[in-house]
Amino acid sequence: MMNLPSGAFRPPPRVASTVVRLRFHPEEPAVDDRALFRSVVQAAFGQRRKMLLNTLRREWPERAAAALDAAGIVATRRPETLTVGEFAAVANRLSKARPAVLP
């Protein structure tokens, strides 16, 4: 934000002027299942200072390692180092790896 003096304009206005720069946020990453995405984020931050794989294994013991690998995320990273897009990638991989529901 930058204030401009009235002398910056011809004829000079009798009001104060301010230049405002707007920056638009990038689009949110595509998430297949918002509830699962929320669960992944909550599980990741549920235990402080733990590696990502250890926190996700509590909820998804059989699928956590494969989901991280498929998303291209090193399992020893800590949750606070991931971007929103990386969390979305993990959630989408977990969503695709769900076991089939039997009737």
C-alpha atoms as a PDB file:
ATOM      1  CA  MET A   1       0.000   0.000   0.000  1.00  0.00           C
ATOM      2  CA  MET A   2       1.350   3.430  -0.881  1.00  0.00           C
ATOM      3  CA  ASN A   3      -0.119   6.873  -0.149  1.00  0.00           C
ATOM      4  CA  LEU A   4       0.026   9.434  -2.967  1.00  0.00           C
ATOM      5  CA  PRO A   5       0.036  13.197  -2.519  1.00  0.00           C
ATOM      6  CA  SER A   6      -2.663  15.196  -4.287  1.00  0.00           C
ATOM      7  CA  GLY A   7       0.114  16.828  -6.389  1.00  0.00           C
ATOM      8  CA  ALA A   8       0.611  13.505  -8.167  1.00  0.00           C
ATOM      9  CA  PHE A   9      -2.572  14.173 -10.161  1.00  0.00           C
ATOM     10  CA  ARG A  10      -3.639  16.937 -12.568  1.00  0.00           C
ATOM     11  CA  PRO A  11      -5.823  18.625 -11.512  1.00  0.00           C
ATOM     12  CA  PRO A  12      -4.985  17.833  -7.869  1.00  0.00           C
ATOM     13  CA  PRO A  13      -7.945  16.236  -6.075  1.00  0.00           C
ATOM     14  CA  ARG A  14      -9.142  17.315  -2.659  1.00  0.00           C
ATOM     15  CA  VAL A  15      -8.998  13.775  -1.307  1.00  0.00           C
ATOM     16  CA  ALA A  16      -6.201  11.494  -0.113  1.00  0.00           C
ATOM     17  CA  SER A  17      -5.199   8.787  -2.584  1.00  0.00           C
ATOM     18  CA  THR A  18      -3.728   5.380  -1.923  1.00  0.00           C
ATOM     19  CA  VAL A  19      -2.474   2.724  -4.324  1.00  0.00           C
ATOM     20  CA  VAL A  20      -3.399  -0.814  -3.280  1.00  0.00           C
ATOM     21  CA  ARG A  21      -1.800  -3.861  -4.860  1.00  0.00           C
ATOM     22  CA  LEU A  22      -3.969  -6.982  -4.938  1.00  0.00           C
ATOM     23  CA  ARG A  23      -2.462 -10.428  -5.220  1.00  0.00           C
ATOM     24  CA  PHE A  24      -4.759 -13.332  -5.878  1.00  0.00           C
ATOM     25  CA  HIS A  25      -4.162 -16.632  -4.153  1.00  0.00           C
ATOM     26  CA  PRO A  26      -3.458 -19.618  -6.373  1.00  0.00           C
ATOM     27  CA  GLU A  27      -6.309 -22.039  -6.782  1.00  0.00           C
ATOM     28  CA  GLU A  28      -6.706 -24.653  -4.098  1.00  0.00           C
ATOM     29  CA  PRO A  29      -5.301 -28.051  -5.024  1.00  0.00           C
ATOM     30  CA  ALA A  30      -7.841 -30.594  -6.191  1.00  0.00           C
ATOM     31  CA  VAL A  31      -8.927 -32.891  -3.370  1.00  0.00           C
ATOM     32  CA  ASP A  32     -10.909 -36.037  -4.129  1.00  0.00           C
ATOM     33  CA  ASP A  33     -12.386 -36.349  -0.638  1.00  0.00           C
ATOM     34  CA  ARG A  34     -12.446 -33.267   1.624  1.00  0.00           C
ATOM     35  CA  ALA A  35     -13.233 -35.293   4.752  1.00  0.00           C
ATOM     36  CA  LEU A  36     -10.249 -37.548   4.122  1.00  0.00           C
ATOM     37  CA  PHE A  37      -8.043 -34.512   3.452  1.00  0.00           C
ATOM     38  CA  ARG A  38      -9.075 -33.043   6.795  1.00  0.00           C
ATOM     39  CA  SER A  39      -8.372 -36.377   8.519  1.00  0.00           C
ATOM     40  CA  VAL A  40      -4.898 -36.550   6.971  1.00  0.00           C
ATOM     41  CA  VAL A  41      -4.015 -33.040   8.146  1.00  0.00           C
ATOM     42  CA  GLN A  42      -5.403 -33.673  11.631  1.00  0.00           C
ATOM     43  CA  ALA A  43      -3.553 -36.984  11.915  1.00  0.00           C
ATOM     44  CA  ALA A  44      -0.306 -35.418  10.697  1.00  0.00           C
ATOM     45  CA  PHE A  45      -0.430 -32.647  13.279  1.00  0.00           C
ATOM     46  CA  GLY A  46      -1.941 -34.779  16.040  1.00  0.00           C
ATOM     47  CA  GLN A  47       1.440 -35.612  17.510  1.00  0.00           C
ATOM     48  CA  ARG A  48       3.999 -32.856  17.598  1.00  0.00           C
ATOM     49  CA  ARG A  49       7.492 -33.360  16.226  1.00  0.00           C
ATOM     50  CA  LYS A  50       6.800 -36.783  14.754  1.00  0.00           C
ATOM     51  CA  MET A  51       7.787 -37.921  11.297  1.00  0.00           C
ATOM     52  CA  LEU A  52       4.953 -37.931   8.800  1.00  0.00           C
ATOM     53  CA  LEU A  53       4.930 -41.695   8.284  1.00  0.00           C
ATOM     54  CA  ASN A  54       4.654 -42.361  12.014  1.00  0.00           C
ATOM     55  CA  THR A  55       1.676 -40.039  12.408  1.00  0.00           C
ATOM     56  CA  LEU A  56      -0.189 -41.381   9.366  1.00  0.00           C
ATOM     57  CA  ARG A  57       0.432 -45.032  10.231  1.00  0.00           C
ATOM     58  CA  ARG A  58      -1.797 -44.682  13.272  1.00  0.00           C
ATOM     59  CA  GLU A  59      -4.842 -44.061  11.028  1.00  0.00           C
ATOM     60  CA  TRP A  60      -3.833 -45.916   7.857  1.00  0.00           C
ATOM     61  CA  PRO A  61      -1.360 -48.634   8.895  1.00  0.00           C
ATOM     62  CA  GLU A  62      -1.340 -50.572   5.624  1.00  0.00           C
ATOM     63  CA  ARG A  63      -1.577 -47.629   3.217  1.00  0.00           C
ATOM     64  CA  ALA A  64       0.416 -44.728   4.682  1.00  0.00           C
ATOM     65  CA  ALA A  65       3.856 -45.677   3.355  1.00  0.00           C
ATOM     66  CA  ALA A  66       2.545 -46.448  -0.130  1.00  0.00           C
ATOM     67  CA  ALA A  67       0.543 -43.208  -0.275  1.00  0.00           C
ATOM     68  CA  LEU A  68       3.556 -41.103   0.705  1.00  0.00           C
ATOM     69  CA  ASP A  69       5.738 -42.919  -1.821  1.00  0.00           C
ATOM     70  CA  ALA A  70       3.164 -42.530  -4.603  1.00  0.00           C
ATOM     71  CA  ALA A  71       2.849 -38.807  -3.810  1.00  0.00           C
ATOM     72  CA  GLY A  72       6.639 -38.435  -4.002  1.00  0.00           C
ATOM     73  CA  ILE A  73       6.992 -37.399  -0.357  1.00  0.00           C
ATOM     74  CA  VAL A  74       9.854 -38.622   1.802  1.00  0.00           C
ATOM     75  CA  ALA A  75       8.324 -40.476   4.746  1.00  0.00           C
ATOM     76  CA  THR A  76      10.772 -38.997   7.275  1.00  0.00           C
ATOM     77  CA  ARG A  77       9.620 -35.415   6.690  1.00  0.00           C
ATOM     78  CA  ARG A  78       7.772 -33.615   9.441  1.00  0.00           C
ATOM     79  CA  PRO A  79       4.190 -32.419   8.807  1.00  0.00           C
ATOM     80  CA  GLU A  80       5.054 -28.726   9.142  1.00  0.00           C
ATOM     81  CA  THR A  81       7.346 -28.972   6.092  1.00  0.00           C
ATOM     82  CA  LEU A  82       4.572 -30.017   3.682  1.00  0.00           C
ATOM     83  CA  THR A  83       2.615 -27.658   1.484  1.00  0.00           C
ATOM     84  CA  VAL A  84      -1.158 -27.771   1.152  1.00  0.00           C
ATOM     85  CA  GLY A  85      -0.675 -29.334  -2.279  1.00  0.00           C
ATOM     86  CA  GLU A  86       1.459 -32.112  -0.815  1.00  0.00           C
ATOM     87  CA  PHE A  87      -1.175 -32.861   1.820  1.00  0.00           C
ATOM     88  CA  ALA A  88      -3.760 -32.982  -0.990  1.00  0.00           C
ATOM     89  CA  ALA A  89      -1.571 -35.428  -2.926  1.00  0.00           C
ATOM     90  CA  VAL A  90      -1.281 -37.730   0.098  1.00  0.00           C
ATOM     91  CA  ALA A  91      -5.027 -37.597   0.746  1.00  0.00           C
ATOM     92  CA  ASN A  92      -5.769 -38.322  -2.918  1.00  0.00           C
ATOM     93  CA  ARG A  93      -3.402 -41.304  -2.874  1.00  0.00           C
ATOM     94  CA  LEU A  94      -5.039 -42.633   0.289  1.00  0.00           C
ATOM     95  CA  SER A  95      -8.437 -42.149  -1.324  1.00  0.00           C
ATOM     96  CA  LYS A  96      -7.425 -44.184  -4.364  1.00  0.00           C
ATOM     97  CA  ALA A  97      -5.932 -46.932  -2.202  1.00  0.00           C
ATOM     98  CA  ARG A  98      -9.069 -47.526  -0.146  1.00  0.00           C
ATOM     99  CA  PRO A  99     -10.009 -51.163   0.147  1.00  0.00           C
ATOM    100  CA  ALA A 100     -13.143 -52.164  -1.712  1.00  0.00           C
ATOM    101  CA  VAL A 101     -16.293 -52.239   0.389  1.00  0.00           C
ATOM    102  CA  LEU A 102     -17.940 -55.639   0.380  1.00  0.00           C
ATOM    103  CA  PRO A 103     -21.731 -55.896   0.297  1.00  0.00           C
END
